Amino acid sequence: MALATSSDLAYGLYALAQVALPPDRAERQDATAQDVLARMLQAQENLISFEGTAAARVYIGDRNVLNTSVGLTIERPNHVVVRWLGMTIKPRHGLIFIDPQMFVSNGYTLSVVSAPAQGSRDASALSDRWIISAVASGSSQPELSWILHVEPDTWLIRRAQVSVGRSAAHTAKAAGGAGTAIIEADYRQAGYRRWEPVRLWAQGRMVLEEFLPGFLVNLVAGRGDSSMSGEIGDSPPLVMLDFGAGPAEAAAKGQSK
């Protein structure tokens, strides 16, 4: 795994993360979305690049329709490449690795939907996370709406709901739609302000389109094979990626609710 050592590069890419926050500012109810974003950038400022191989499993309904291995290369900011059976796929939406740097753009409007309860000690519970809305402007192609669940002690995005358009708040009920997805992730700490992905759980056709070629997306989603249509063809695809970290390594491991 490669780790860039250039402090100039890290500073240039993540200047926003260097903003000094007032004491306990990020723990108070009046913290702004930009405060939370700054903490998110700080948490990952030393993850400049990452390479790994993940075991991938795809389910449609209760049926396991694909088991494979995929290579993943991350070069921040916002550059992810997936390699599978000699093919190179460049994800379009940033769902395989959600880089907080993408939300620095002026194309996104951020707001705090919910802050952790004061005195909370269970950072794994959804009610005890920062919930941030990030909506892309009309000039963005495609126009994406995100709901980000951010863990307050690590400042990592542990869960995200995303949709094409401005209805991300409703994706939990509509994950089967072609333009919606729900993503949950576990991480391991691999150095100071460097967290690498361990596991990814994602639901929605959009996720398949991030790491598989189009013809295979149609096949495993039951669109191109009549034998797979009907009962399971109407179910949203479920994707699980496992980078194989052992229990001792999973410092940020914990079930997302």
Protein backbone atom coordinates (compact mmCIF):
# COMPACT_ATOMS: atom_id res chain seq x y z
CA MET A 1 0.00 0.00 0.00
CA ALA A 2 1.41 3.33 -1.04
CA LEU A 3 1.52 6.31 1.27
CA ALA A 4 2.55 9.69 -0.09
CA THR A 5 5.03 11.55 2.09
CA SER A 6 4.91 14.99 0.50
CA SER A 7 3.63 17.45 3.07
CA ASP A 8 3.18 20.01 0.30
CA LEU A 9 0.82 17.70 -1.57
CA ALA A 10 -1.17 16.91 1.55
CA TYR A 11 -1.41 20.58 2.40
CA GLY A 12 -2.50 21.57 -1.08
CA LEU A 13 -5.23 18.94 -1.30
CA TYR A 14 -6.59 19.38 2.17
CA ALA A 15 -6.07 23.02 3.07
CA LEU A 16 -9.63 23.28 4.31
CA ALA A 17 -8.91 20.59 6.88
CA GLN A 18 -6.29 22.80 8.50
CA VAL A 19 -8.87 25.33 9.70
CA ALA A 20 -8.57 25.56 13.47
CA LEU A 21 -11.90 24.99 15.15
CA PRO A 22 -12.80 26.64 18.46
CA PRO A 23 -12.47 24.32 21.49
CA ASP A 24 -15.29 21.76 21.55
CA ARG A 25 -16.90 23.52 18.61
CA ALA A 26 -17.52 20.28 16.72
CA GLU A 27 -19.18 18.76 19.79
CA ARG A 28 -21.76 21.51 20.20
CA GLN A 29 -25.20 21.60 18.70
CA ASP A 30 -24.40 24.82 16.85
CA ALA A 31 -21.53 23.34 14.82
CA THR A 32 -21.94 23.98 11.11
CA ALA A 33 -21.73 21.49 8.28
CA GLN A 34 -18.44 23.10 7.25
CA ASP A 35 -17.04 22.39 10.73
CA VAL A 36 -17.96 18.72 10.35
CA LEU A 37 -16.53 18.60 6.82
CA ALA A 38 -13.24 20.05 8.08
CA ARG A 39 -13.03 17.29 10.69
CA MET A 40 -13.81 14.67 8.03
CA LEU A 41 -10.98 15.97 5.86
CA GLN A 42 -8.58 15.99 8.81
CA ALA A 43 -9.40 12.36 9.58
CA GLN A 44 -8.30 11.25 6.10
CA GLU A 45 -5.67 13.82 5.18
CA ASN A 46 -2.88 11.20 5.05
CA LEU A 47 -4.81 8.73 2.92
CA ILE A 48 -3.42 10.05 -0.36
CA SER A 49 -3.42 6.68 -2.12
CA PHE A 50 -4.54 3.13 -1.40
CA GLU A 51 -4.49 -0.15 -3.30
CA GLY A 52 -6.27 -3.33 -2.29
CA THR A 53 -8.07 -6.42 -3.48
CA ALA A 54 -11.56 -7.15 -2.24
CA ALA A 55 -13.69 -10.27 -2.31
CA ALA A 56 -16.96 -9.18 -3.90
CA ARG A 57 -20.33 -10.86 -3.45
CA VAL A 58 -23.53 -9.73 -5.14
CA TYR A 59 -27.00 -10.78 -4.02
CA ILE A 60 -30.36 -10.25 -5.70
CA GLY A 61 -33.03 -11.02 -3.16
CA ASP A 62 -31.79 -14.13 -1.31
CA ARG A 63 -29.80 -15.38 -4.30
CA ASN A 64 -26.02 -15.07 -4.52
CA VAL A 65 -25.57 -14.19 -8.21
CA LEU A 66 -21.86 -13.30 -8.33
CA ASN A 67 -18.68 -14.07 -6.40
CA THR A 68 -15.51 -12.48 -7.69
CA SER A 69 -12.42 -10.51 -6.75
CA VAL A 70 -11.84 -6.89 -7.68
CA GLY A 71 -8.81 -4.65 -7.43
CA LEU A 72 -9.28 -1.14 -6.13
CA THR A 73 -6.96 1.84 -6.49
CA ILE A 74 -7.72 5.11 -4.73
CA GLU A 75 -5.78 8.26 -5.52
CA ARG A 76 -7.21 11.22 -3.70
CA PRO A 77 -8.90 13.46 -4.28
CA ASN A 78 -11.81 11.82 -6.06
CA HIS A 79 -10.01 9.32 -8.28
CA VAL A 80 -10.99 5.65 -7.95
CA VAL A 81 -10.24 2.83 -10.39
CA VAL A 82 -11.65 -0.71 -10.23
CA ARG A 83 -9.90 -3.56 -12.05
CA TRP A 84 -11.78 -6.77 -12.77
CA LEU A 85 -10.84 -9.61 -15.18
CA GLY A 86 -8.51 -7.37 -17.14
CA MET A 87 -11.07 -4.57 -17.41
CA THR A 88 -10.62 -1.11 -15.92
CA ILE A 89 -13.73 0.63 -14.64
CA LYS A 90 -13.83 4.21 -13.39
CA PRO A 91 -16.72 4.70 -10.96
CA ARG A 92 -18.83 7.74 -11.79
CA HIS A 93 -20.43 8.59 -8.46
CA GLY A 94 -17.79 7.89 -5.78
CA LEU A 95 -19.83 5.18 -4.05
CA ILE A 96 -17.08 2.57 -3.65
CA PHE A 97 -15.00 5.00 -1.58
CA ILE A 98 -16.81 8.14 -0.47
CA ASP A 99 -14.16 10.84 -0.42
CA PRO A 100 -15.19 13.84 1.72
CA GLN A 101 -13.06 15.98 -0.58
CA MET A 102 -15.83 15.83 -3.20
CA PHE A 103 -18.07 17.90 -0.94
CA VAL A 104 -15.57 20.77 -0.75
CA SER A 105 -16.67 21.85 -4.22
CA ASN A 106 -18.84 24.92 -4.52
CA GLY A 107 -21.21 22.66 -6.42
CA TYR A 108 -22.45 21.20 -3.11
CA THR A 109 -24.62 22.83 -0.48
CA LEU A 110 -24.13 21.27 2.97
CA SER A 111 -26.32 21.50 6.05
CA VAL A 112 -26.60 19.76 9.41
CA VAL A 113 -29.72 17.59 9.60
CA SER A 114 -28.99 16.23 13.07
CA ALA A 115 -26.19 16.41 15.67
CA PRO A 116 -25.19 13.68 18.16
CA ALA A 117 -26.97 13.77 21.47
CA GLN A 118 -24.87 15.52 24.10
CA GLY A 119 -23.23 13.03 26.43
CA SER A 120 -23.78 10.14 24.03
CA ARG A 121 -21.34 7.25 24.33
CA ASP A 122 -22.60 4.95 21.57
CA ALA A 123 -21.03 6.32 18.39
CA SER A 124 -22.23 3.32 16.36
CA ALA A 125 -25.90 4.22 16.73
CA LEU A 126 -27.39 6.29 13.95
CA SER A 127 -28.98 8.66 16.46
CA ASP A 128 -25.53 9.41 17.88
CA ARG A 129 -23.90 10.50 14.64
CA TRP A 130 -23.74 13.71 12.72
CA ILE A 131 -26.21 13.59 9.86
CA ILE A 132 -25.22 15.90 7.04
CA SER A 133 -27.15 16.75 3.88
CA ALA A 134 -25.08 17.45 0.75
CA VAL A 135 -27.00 18.52 -2.35
CA ALA A 136 -25.31 19.15 -5.69
CA SER A 137 -26.23 22.24 -7.65
CA GLY A 138 -28.10 22.09 -10.93
CA SER A 139 -24.82 22.58 -12.79
CA SER A 140 -23.46 19.24 -11.54
CA GLN A 141 -23.74 16.24 -13.82
CA PRO A 142 -25.30 14.12 -12.51
CA GLU A 143 -27.11 16.06 -9.81
CA LEU A 144 -26.67 14.01 -6.64
CA SER A 145 -28.20 14.34 -3.19
CA TRP A 146 -26.49 12.74 -0.20
CA ILE A 147 -27.34 12.07 3.42
CA LEU A 148 -24.10 11.35 5.30
CA HIS A 149 -23.94 9.66 8.71
CA VAL A 150 -20.62 10.73 10.28
CA GLU A 151 -19.14 9.05 13.35
CA PRO A 152 -18.23 11.76 15.88
CA ASP A 153 -15.12 10.13 17.36
CA THR A 154 -13.41 9.14 14.08
CA TRP A 155 -15.15 11.63 11.73
CA LEU A 156 -15.60 8.88 9.14
CA ILE A 157 -18.61 8.48 6.87
CA ARG A 158 -20.08 5.23 8.16
CA ARG A 159 -23.32 5.34 6.19
CA ALA A 160 -24.48 7.28 3.16
CA GLN A 161 -27.72 7.52 1.23
CA VAL A 162 -27.48 8.93 -2.27
CA SER A 163 -29.90 9.55 -5.10
CA VAL A 164 -29.89 11.23 -8.46
CA GLY A 165 -31.94 14.37 -7.95
CA ARG A 166 -32.95 16.02 -4.69
CA SER A 167 -34.60 13.18 -2.81
CA ALA A 168 -31.72 11.55 -0.90
CA ALA A 169 -33.68 11.80 2.34
CA HIS A 170 -36.08 9.21 0.96
CA THR A 171 -33.56 6.71 -0.42
CA ALA A 172 -33.88 4.43 2.58
CA LYS A 173 -37.34 3.53 1.31
CA ALA A 174 -36.41 3.53 -2.35
CA ALA A 175 -33.04 1.80 -2.54
CA GLY A 176 -34.35 -0.49 -5.25
CA GLY A 177 -34.64 2.39 -7.69
CA ALA A 178 -32.12 2.69 -10.51
CA GLY A 179 -30.94 6.07 -9.23
CA THR A 180 -30.61 5.40 -5.51
CA ALA A 181 -28.17 3.61 -3.20
CA ILE A 182 -27.38 3.04 0.47
CA ILE A 183 -23.75 2.44 1.49
CA GLU A 184 -22.27 1.41 4.84
CA ALA A 185 -18.55 0.99 5.53
CA ASP A 186 -16.06 -0.24 8.12
CA TYR A 187 -12.48 1.06 8.27
CA ARG A 188 -9.16 0.26 9.92
CA GLN A 189 -6.64 2.80 11.12
CA ALA A 190 -3.45 2.49 9.06
CA GLY A 191 -1.55 5.47 10.41
CA TYR A 192 -2.02 8.98 11.71
CA ARG A 193 -5.11 10.46 10.04
CA ARG A 194 -5.21 7.56 7.63
CA TRP A 195 -8.16 5.15 7.58
CA GLU A 196 -8.41 2.42 4.95
CA PRO A 197 -11.57 0.56 3.91
CA VAL A 198 -12.14 -2.90 5.41
CA ARG A 199 -15.70 -3.74 4.38
CA LEU A 200 -18.38 -2.17 2.25
CA TRP A 201 -22.07 -3.05 2.29
CA ALA A 202 -24.09 -1.35 -0.41
CA GLN A 203 -27.58 -1.68 -1.85
CA GLY A 204 -28.84 -0.35 -5.16
CA ARG A 205 -28.23 -0.77 -8.87
CA MET A 206 -26.05 2.37 -8.86
CA VAL A 207 -23.45 0.45 -6.85
CA LEU A 208 -23.20 -2.33 -9.44
CA GLU A 209 -22.59 0.31 -12.09
CA GLU A 210 -19.62 1.55 -10.05
CA PHE A 211 -17.53 -1.61 -10.40
CA LEU A 212 -19.00 -3.83 -13.15
CA PRO A 213 -19.29 -3.34 -16.93
CA GLY A 214 -22.74 -2.45 -18.20
CA PHE A 215 -23.57 -5.80 -19.78
CA LEU A 216 -22.82 -7.61 -16.51
CA VAL A 217 -24.85 -5.11 -14.51
CA ASN A 218 -27.84 -5.98 -16.69
CA LEU A 219 -27.17 -9.68 -16.29
CA VAL A 220 -26.80 -9.86 -12.52
CA ALA A 221 -29.64 -7.38 -11.96
CA GLY A 222 -31.98 -9.67 -13.87
CA ARG A 223 -32.57 -7.27 -16.75
CA GLY A 224 -30.88 -9.23 -19.51
CA ASP A 225 -31.74 -12.81 -18.46
CA SER A 226 -35.36 -13.87 -18.36
CA SER A 227 -34.53 -16.70 -15.96
CA MET A 228 -33.54 -14.09 -13.38
CA SER A 229 -36.44 -11.70 -13.88
CA GLY A 230 -39.58 -11.60 -11.81
CA GLU A 231 -39.14 -12.37 -8.16
CA ILE A 232 -35.48 -11.45 -7.78
CA GLY A 233 -35.36 -9.06 -10.71
CA ASP A 234 -37.43 -6.60 -8.69
CA SER A 235 -35.10 -6.76 -5.67
CA PRO A 236 -32.35 -4.15 -5.26
CA PRO A 237 -28.85 -5.60 -5.72
CA LEU A 238 -26.82 -6.01 -2.53
CA VAL A 239 -23.04 -5.72 -2.88
CA MET A 240 -20.53 -6.77 -0.22
CA LEU A 241 -16.82 -5.96 -0.57
CA ASP A 242 -14.38 -7.43 1.97
CA PHE A 243 -10.74 -6.33 2.00
CA GLY A 244 -9.85 -9.11 4.42
CA ALA A 245 -8.63 -7.20 7.47
CA GLY A 246 -8.43 -9.29 10.62
CA PRO A 247 -10.40 -8.48 13.80
CA ALA A 248 -7.37 -6.91 15.49
CA GLU A 249 -6.97 -4.43 12.66
CA ALA A 250 -10.52 -3.15 12.51
CA ALA A 251 -10.11 -0.20 14.84
CA ALA A 252 -13.17 1.51 13.42
CA LYS A 253 -15.16 -1.69 13.07
CA GLY A 254 -18.71 -1.67 14.33
CA GLN A 255 -22.06 -2.54 12.93
CA SER A 256 -23.86 0.32 11.26
CA LYS A 257 -27.47 0.36 12.29
